[in-house]
Amino acid sequence: MIIFAIYIIYQYHIFPVMELSKNKLLAIIVVVIILVSILGFALWWVGTNNKMVRESEQIDSQWAQVANEYQRKIDLIPQLVSIASGYQQFEASTLANITALRTQWMAATTVEEQVNLSNVLDSQLATIIVTYEAYPELHSVALVSNLMYEVAGTENRIATERMYYNDYVREYNGHIKSFPATWVAHSGDFEPREYYQSSNAPPAP
């Protein structure tokens, strides 16, 4: 529209001062095109950067939901270890690992650390569940049975929040890897985020 306006001014001599030669008019048009292009690129760059920031914050916010649910399972571990240690079917080394991993998870300061520790901790908890299933006599122990079902119920809630978290990570990772948005991602240090797959999540008893 700016270029069209310049052309109209020139064509119909709306302003005497605008009686320019064709070369000067062409130069003005080129300058206007360059300025408009720069402005458009700048607006796209800022918009893309802001969207990546929002997507990253959305991932962090959703991880907080995952962590809230996972905290429920973390809070069950001392009771789980205390009860399981009274039965020789549960390996003492596994219980010790679970206790140590719980401490590490609570001390973790980044999402990536918590994701990695959660996966390792889940694998150890899965061992506890498998042991529980392998010994039917443990099913008759109310304390053990109730606690196992409580762990399973917590895992179901975690799975729901984990699904939303992975959806946000997938959207964000796809965005920062797409062209030309990858230019903005590199300049803004937007790194791919890690999925929380948890293939080792404890099965339901």
C-alpha atoms as a PDB file:
ATOM      1  CA  MET A   1       0.000   0.000   0.000  1.00  0.00           C
ATOM      2  CA  ILE A   2       2.901   2.360   0.758  1.00  0.00           C
ATOM      3  CA  ILE A   3       4.380   1.704  -2.672  1.00  0.00           C
ATOM      4  CA  PHE A   4       0.986   2.252  -4.313  1.00  0.00           C
ATOM      5  CA  ALA A   5       0.592   5.571  -2.489  1.00  0.00           C
ATOM      6  CA  ILE A   6       3.998   6.732  -3.701  1.00  0.00           C
ATOM      7  CA  TYR A   7       3.037   5.779  -7.231  1.00  0.00           C
ATOM      8  CA  ILE A   8      -0.250   7.741  -7.051  1.00  0.00           C
ATOM      9  CA  ILE A   9       1.547  10.811  -5.692  1.00  0.00           C
ATOM     10  CA  TYR A  10       4.070  10.617  -8.470  1.00  0.00           C
ATOM     11  CA  GLN A  11       1.582   9.852 -11.248  1.00  0.00           C
ATOM     12  CA  TYR A  12      -0.869  12.637 -10.491  1.00  0.00           C
ATOM     13  CA  HIS A  13       1.574  15.196  -9.089  1.00  0.00           C
ATOM     14  CA  ILE A  14      -0.356  15.538  -5.874  1.00  0.00           C
ATOM     15  CA  PHE A  15       2.555  17.393  -4.291  1.00  0.00           C
ATOM     16  CA  PRO A  16       4.923  19.424  -6.465  1.00  0.00           C
ATOM     17  CA  VAL A  17       7.838  18.394  -4.279  1.00  0.00           C
ATOM     18  CA  MET A  18       7.148  14.821  -5.260  1.00  0.00           C
ATOM     19  CA  GLU A  19       7.888  15.453  -8.933  1.00  0.00           C
ATOM     20  CA  LEU A  20      10.671  12.919  -8.944  1.00  0.00           C
ATOM     21  CA  SER A  21      12.479  11.197 -11.728  1.00  0.00           C
ATOM     22  CA  LYS A  22      11.718   7.561 -12.361  1.00  0.00           C
ATOM     23  CA  ASN A  23      15.111   6.580 -10.992  1.00  0.00           C
ATOM     24  CA  LYS A  24      14.496   8.453  -7.750  1.00  0.00           C
ATOM     25  CA  LEU A  25      11.026   6.947  -7.448  1.00  0.00           C
ATOM     26  CA  LEU A  26      12.456   3.496  -8.032  1.00  0.00           C
ATOM     27  CA  ALA A  27      15.078   4.126  -5.343  1.00  0.00           C
ATOM     28  CA  ILE A  28      12.376   5.193  -2.883  1.00  0.00           C
ATOM     29  CA  ILE A  29      10.342   2.094  -3.662  1.00  0.00           C
ATOM     30  CA  VAL A  30      13.366  -0.152  -3.118  1.00  0.00           C
ATOM     31  CA  VAL A  31      14.129   1.532   0.205  1.00  0.00           C
ATOM     32  CA  VAL A  32      10.504   1.188   1.307  1.00  0.00           C
ATOM     33  CA  ILE A  33      10.475  -2.508   0.369  1.00  0.00           C
ATOM     34  CA  ILE A  34      13.659  -3.085   2.348  1.00  0.00           C
ATOM     35  CA  LEU A  35      12.330  -1.237   5.403  1.00  0.00           C
ATOM     36  CA  VAL A  36       8.993  -3.064   5.290  1.00  0.00           C
ATOM     37  CA  SER A  37      10.807  -6.395   4.921  1.00  0.00           C
ATOM     38  CA  ILE A  38      13.073  -5.639   7.867  1.00  0.00           C
ATOM     39  CA  LEU A  39      10.095  -4.596   9.988  1.00  0.00           C
ATOM     40  CA  GLY A  40       8.147  -7.710   9.010  1.00  0.00           C
ATOM     41  CA  PHE A  41      11.117  -9.965   9.779  1.00  0.00           C
ATOM     42  CA  ALA A  42      11.663  -8.272  13.137  1.00  0.00           C
ATOM     43  CA  LEU A  43       8.004  -8.714  14.083  1.00  0.00           C
ATOM     44  CA  TRP A  44       8.122 -12.385  13.059  1.00  0.00           C
ATOM     45  CA  TRP A  45      11.334 -12.909  15.043  1.00  0.00           C
ATOM     46  CA  VAL A  46       9.919 -11.353  18.204  1.00  0.00           C
ATOM     47  CA  GLY A  47       6.641 -13.237  17.841  1.00  0.00           C
ATOM     48  CA  THR A  48       8.399 -16.573  17.314  1.00  0.00           C
ATOM     49  CA  ASN A  49      10.725 -15.967  20.254  1.00  0.00           C
ATOM     50  CA  ASN A  50       7.816 -15.072  22.537  1.00  0.00           C
ATOM     51  CA  LYS A  51       5.910 -18.179  21.472  1.00  0.00           C
ATOM     52  CA  MET A  52       8.902 -20.381  22.290  1.00  0.00           C
ATOM     53  CA  VAL A  53       9.168 -18.733  25.695  1.00  0.00           C
ATOM     54  CA  ARG A  54       5.466 -19.414  26.360  1.00  0.00           C
ATOM     55  CA  GLU A  55       5.829 -23.037  25.230  1.00  0.00           C
ATOM     56  CA  SER A  56       8.837 -23.519  27.500  1.00  0.00           C
ATOM     57  CA  GLU A  57       7.000 -22.012  30.458  1.00  0.00           C
ATOM     58  CA  GLN A  58       3.988 -24.216  29.703  1.00  0.00           C
ATOM     59  CA  ILE A  59       6.238 -27.285  29.900  1.00  0.00           C
ATOM     60  CA  ASP A  60       7.620 -26.141  33.258  1.00  0.00           C
ATOM     61  CA  SER A  61       4.125 -25.458  34.530  1.00  0.00           C
ATOM     62  CA  GLN A  62       2.893 -28.888  33.482  1.00  0.00           C
ATOM     63  CA  TRP A  63       5.938 -30.546  35.013  1.00  0.00           C
ATOM     64  CA  ALA A  64       4.939 -28.894  38.290  1.00  0.00           C
ATOM     65  CA  GLN A  65       1.654 -30.803  37.994  1.00  0.00           C
ATOM     66  CA  VAL A  66       3.552 -34.038  37.351  1.00  0.00           C
ATOM     67  CA  ALA A  67       5.857 -33.326  40.280  1.00  0.00           C
ATOM     68  CA  ASN A  68       2.902 -32.662  42.586  1.00  0.00           C
ATOM     69  CA  GLU A  69       1.454 -36.077  41.798  1.00  0.00           C
ATOM     70  CA  TYR A  70       4.871 -37.725  41.933  1.00  0.00           C
ATOM     71  CA  GLN A  71       5.418 -36.185  45.356  1.00  0.00           C
ATOM     72  CA  ARG A  72       2.527 -38.318  46.588  1.00  0.00           C
ATOM     73  CA  LYS A  73       4.465 -41.408  45.555  1.00  0.00           C
ATOM     74  CA  ILE A  74       7.656 -40.018  47.064  1.00  0.00           C
ATOM     75  CA  ASP A  75       5.819 -39.534  50.361  1.00  0.00           C
ATOM     76  CA  LEU A  76       4.746 -43.186  50.314  1.00  0.00           C
ATOM     77  CA  ILE A  77       8.290 -44.517  49.989  1.00  0.00           C
ATOM     78  CA  PRO A  78       9.354 -44.325  53.672  1.00  0.00           C
ATOM     79  CA  GLN A  79       6.259 -46.300  54.643  1.00  0.00           C
ATOM     80  CA  LEU A  80       6.796 -48.715  51.754  1.00  0.00           C
ATOM     81  CA  VAL A  81      10.427 -49.340  52.716  1.00  0.00           C
ATOM     82  CA  SER A  82       9.524 -49.674  56.387  1.00  0.00           C
ATOM     83  CA  ILE A  83       6.880 -52.318  55.712  1.00  0.00           C
ATOM     84  CA  ALA A  84       8.783 -54.173  52.990  1.00  0.00           C
ATOM     85  CA  SER A  85      11.934 -54.406  55.093  1.00  0.00           C
ATOM     86  CA  GLY A  86      10.022 -56.684  57.441  1.00  0.00           C
ATOM     87  CA  TYR A  87       9.655 -59.331  54.743  1.00  0.00           C
ATOM     88  CA  GLN A  88      12.626 -61.228  53.361  1.00  0.00           C
ATOM     89  CA  GLN A  89      11.016 -61.508  49.921  1.00  0.00           C
ATOM     90  CA  PHE A  90      11.984 -57.897  49.238  1.00  0.00           C
ATOM     91  CA  GLU A  91      15.676 -57.386  48.544  1.00  0.00           C
ATOM     92  CA  ALA A  92      17.398 -55.085  51.003  1.00  0.00           C
ATOM     93  CA  SER A  93      19.567 -53.585  48.225  1.00  0.00           C
ATOM     94  CA  THR A  94      16.475 -52.562  46.266  1.00  0.00           C
ATOM     95  CA  LEU A  95      14.956 -50.886  49.317  1.00  0.00           C
ATOM     96  CA  ALA A  96      18.230 -49.050  49.951  1.00  0.00           C
ATOM     97  CA  ASN A  97      18.350 -47.874  46.332  1.00  0.00           C
ATOM     98  CA  ILE A  98      14.777 -46.601  46.528  1.00  0.00           C
ATOM     99  CA  THR A  99      15.551 -44.640  49.677  1.00  0.00           C
ATOM    100  CA  ALA A 100      18.666 -43.093  48.119  1.00  0.00           C
ATOM    101  CA  LEU A 101      16.831 -42.221  44.886  1.00  0.00           C
ATOM    102  CA  ARG A 102      14.033 -40.592  46.858  1.00  0.00           C
ATOM    103  CA  THR A 103      16.568 -38.329  48.551  1.00  0.00           C
ATOM    104  CA  GLN A 104      18.177 -37.467  45.206  1.00  0.00           C
ATOM    105  CA  TRP A 105      14.797 -36.715  43.600  1.00  0.00           C
ATOM    106  CA  MET A 106      13.852 -34.347  46.392  1.00  0.00           C
ATOM    107  CA  ALA A 107      17.211 -32.549  46.050  1.00  0.00           C
ATOM    108  CA  ALA A 108      17.023 -32.252  42.236  1.00  0.00           C
ATOM    109  CA  THR A 109      16.877 -28.670  40.986  1.00  0.00           C
ATOM    110  CA  THR A 110      15.970 -29.109  37.310  1.00  0.00           C
ATOM    111  CA  VAL A 111      13.195 -30.824  35.394  1.00  0.00           C
ATOM    112  CA  GLU A 112      15.738 -32.951  33.508  1.00  0.00           C
ATOM    113  CA  GLU A 113      17.239 -34.249  36.755  1.00  0.00           C
ATOM    114  CA  GLN A 114      13.846 -35.116  38.149  1.00  0.00           C
ATOM    115  CA  VAL A 115      12.801 -36.847  34.917  1.00  0.00           C
ATOM    116  CA  ASN A 116      15.930 -39.008  34.902  1.00  0.00           C
ATOM    117  CA  LEU A 117      15.681 -39.830  38.593  1.00  0.00           C
ATOM    118  CA  SER A 118      11.966 -40.595  38.258  1.00  0.00           C
ATOM    119  CA  ASN A 119      12.681 -43.165  35.553  1.00  0.00           C
ATOM    120  CA  VAL A 120      15.345 -44.879  37.652  1.00  0.00           C
ATOM    121  CA  LEU A 121      13.170 -44.770  40.758  1.00  0.00           C
ATOM    122  CA  ASP A 122      10.215 -46.197  38.832  1.00  0.00           C
ATOM    123  CA  SER A 123      12.332 -49.147  37.706  1.00  0.00           C
ATOM    124  CA  GLN A 124      13.193 -49.917  41.320  1.00  0.00           C
ATOM    125  CA  LEU A 125       9.579 -49.586  42.425  1.00  0.00           C
ATOM    126  CA  ALA A 126       8.557 -51.893  39.585  1.00  0.00           C
ATOM    127  CA  THR A 127      10.854 -54.515  41.119  1.00  0.00           C
ATOM    128  CA  ILE A 128       8.966 -54.176  44.392  1.00  0.00           C
ATOM    129  CA  ILE A 129       5.626 -54.667  42.634  1.00  0.00           C
ATOM    130  CA  VAL A 130       6.914 -57.689  40.703  1.00  0.00           C
ATOM    131  CA  THR A 131       8.143 -59.236  43.943  1.00  0.00           C
ATOM    132  CA  TYR A 132       4.783 -58.576  45.539  1.00  0.00           C
ATOM    133  CA  GLU A 133       3.021 -60.333  42.661  1.00  0.00           C
ATOM    134  CA  ALA A 134       5.410 -63.282  42.838  1.00  0.00           C
ATOM    135  CA  TYR A 135       4.549 -64.079  46.450  1.00  0.00           C
ATOM    136  CA  PRO A 136       0.790 -64.594  46.951  1.00  0.00           C
ATOM    137  CA  GLU A 137       1.254 -64.821  50.701  1.00  0.00           C
ATOM    138  CA  LEU A 138       2.064 -61.113  50.737  1.00  0.00           C
ATOM    139  CA  HIS A 139      -1.402 -60.355  49.329  1.00  0.00           C
ATOM    140  CA  SER A 140      -2.984 -61.420  52.597  1.00  0.00           C
ATOM    141  CA  VAL A 141      -0.976 -58.825  54.518  1.00  0.00           C
ATOM    142  CA  ALA A 142      -3.337 -55.856  54.655  1.00  0.00           C
ATOM    143  CA  LEU A 143      -0.617 -53.246  55.206  1.00  0.00           C
ATOM    144  CA  VAL A 144       1.376 -54.439  52.201  1.00  0.00           C
ATOM    145  CA  SER A 145      -1.652 -54.913  49.949  1.00  0.00           C
ATOM    146  CA  ASN A 146      -3.202 -51.534  50.733  1.00  0.00           C
ATOM    147  CA  LEU A 147       0.093 -49.741  50.241  1.00  0.00           C
ATOM    148  CA  MET A 148       0.668 -51.404  46.873  1.00  0.00           C
ATOM    149  CA  TYR A 149      -2.729 -50.313  45.631  1.00  0.00           C
ATOM    150  CA  GLU A 150      -2.113 -46.807  46.891  1.00  0.00           C
ATOM    151  CA  VAL A 151       1.143 -46.705  44.909  1.00  0.00           C
ATOM    152  CA  ALA A 152      -0.708 -47.942  41.821  1.00  0.00           C
ATOM    153  CA  GLY A 153      -3.427 -45.308  42.219  1.00  0.00           C
ATOM    154  CA  THR A 154      -0.809 -42.594  42.492  1.00  0.00           C
ATOM    155  CA  GLU A 155       0.866 -43.904  39.356  1.00  0.00           C
ATOM    156  CA  ASN A 156      -2.400 -43.575  37.433  1.00  0.00           C
ATOM    157  CA  ARG A 157      -2.632 -39.897  38.337  1.00  0.00           C
ATOM    158  CA  ILE A 158       1.004 -39.394  37.394  1.00  0.00           C
ATOM    159  CA  ALA A 159       0.391 -41.079  34.030  1.00  0.00           C
ATOM    160  CA  THR A 160      -2.368 -38.597  33.197  1.00  0.00           C
ATOM    161  CA  GLU A 161      -0.239 -35.549  33.986  1.00  0.00           C
ATOM    162  CA  ARG A 162       2.749 -37.146  32.218  1.00  0.00           C
ATOM    163  CA  MET A 163       0.695 -37.473  29.035  1.00  0.00           C
ATOM    164  CA  TYR A 164      -0.062 -33.741  29.031  1.00  0.00           C
ATOM    165  CA  TYR A 165       3.575 -32.963  29.783  1.00  0.00           C
ATOM    166  CA  ASN A 166       4.820 -35.039  26.851  1.00  0.00           C
ATOM    167  CA  ASP A 167       2.288 -33.385  24.548  1.00  0.00           C
ATOM    168  CA  TYR A 168       3.662 -29.954  25.428  1.00  0.00           C
ATOM    169  CA  VAL A 169       7.246 -31.165  24.999  1.00  0.00           C
ATOM    170  CA  ARG A 170       6.395 -32.632  21.592  1.00  0.00           C
ATOM    171  CA  GLU A 171       4.850 -29.351  20.431  1.00  0.00           C
ATOM    172  CA  TYR A 172       7.782 -27.288  21.692  1.00  0.00           C
ATOM    173  CA  ASN A 173      10.483 -29.601  20.297  1.00  0.00           C
ATOM    174  CA  GLY A 174       8.770 -29.656  16.911  1.00  0.00           C
ATOM    175  CA  HIS A 175       8.581 -25.874  16.889  1.00  0.00           C
ATOM    176  CA  ILE A 176      12.243 -25.195  17.683  1.00  0.00           C
ATOM    177  CA  LYS A 177      13.378 -27.754  15.103  1.00  0.00           C
ATOM    178  CA  SER A 178      11.197 -26.414  12.290  1.00  0.00           C
ATOM    179  CA  PHE A 179      12.551 -24.072   9.643  1.00  0.00           C
ATOM    180  CA  PRO A 180      12.933 -21.088   9.830  1.00  0.00           C
ATOM    181  CA  ALA A 181      12.024 -21.038  13.541  1.00  0.00           C
ATOM    182  CA  THR A 182      15.248 -22.923  14.223  1.00  0.00           C
ATOM    183  CA  TRP A 183      17.134 -19.641  13.650  1.00  0.00           C
ATOM    184  CA  VAL A 184      15.326 -18.088  16.584  1.00  0.00           C
ATOM    185  CA  ALA A 185      15.818 -21.214  18.696  1.00  0.00           C
ATOM    186  CA  HIS A 186      19.589 -21.199  18.172  1.00  0.00           C
ATOM    187  CA  SER A 187      19.957 -17.490  18.883  1.00  0.00           C
ATOM    188  CA  GLY A 188      17.799 -17.736  21.994  1.00  0.00           C
ATOM    189  CA  ASP A 189      19.405 -20.927  23.343  1.00  0.00           C
ATOM    190  CA  PHE A 190      16.136 -22.845  23.193  1.00  0.00           C
ATOM    191  CA  GLU A 191      17.176 -26.463  23.681  1.00  0.00           C
ATOM    192  CA  PRO A 192      15.038 -29.582  23.070  1.00  0.00           C
ATOM    193  CA  ARG A 193      13.254 -30.741  26.210  1.00  0.00           C
ATOM    194  CA  GLU A 194      13.332 -34.299  27.449  1.00  0.00           C
ATOM    195  CA  TYR A 195      10.260 -36.514  27.345  1.00  0.00           C
ATOM    196  CA  TYR A 196       9.097 -38.297  30.462  1.00  0.00           C
ATOM    197  CA  GLN A 197       8.387 -41.728  29.018  1.00  0.00           C
ATOM    198  CA  SER A 198       8.716 -43.808  32.197  1.00  0.00           C
ATOM    199  CA  SER A 199       8.487 -47.203  30.532  1.00  0.00           C
ATOM    200  CA  ASN A 200       9.548 -48.544  33.957  1.00  0.00           C
ATOM    201  CA  ALA A 201       6.500 -47.214  35.788  1.00  0.00           C
ATOM    202  CA  PRO A 202       5.229 -49.722  38.344  1.00  0.00           C
ATOM    203  CA  PRO A 203       2.389 -51.897  37.047  1.00  0.00           C
ATOM    204  CA  ALA A 204      -0.879 -52.027  38.912  1.00  0.00           C
ATOM    205  CA  PRO A 205      -0.984 -54.933  41.411  1.00  0.00           C
END
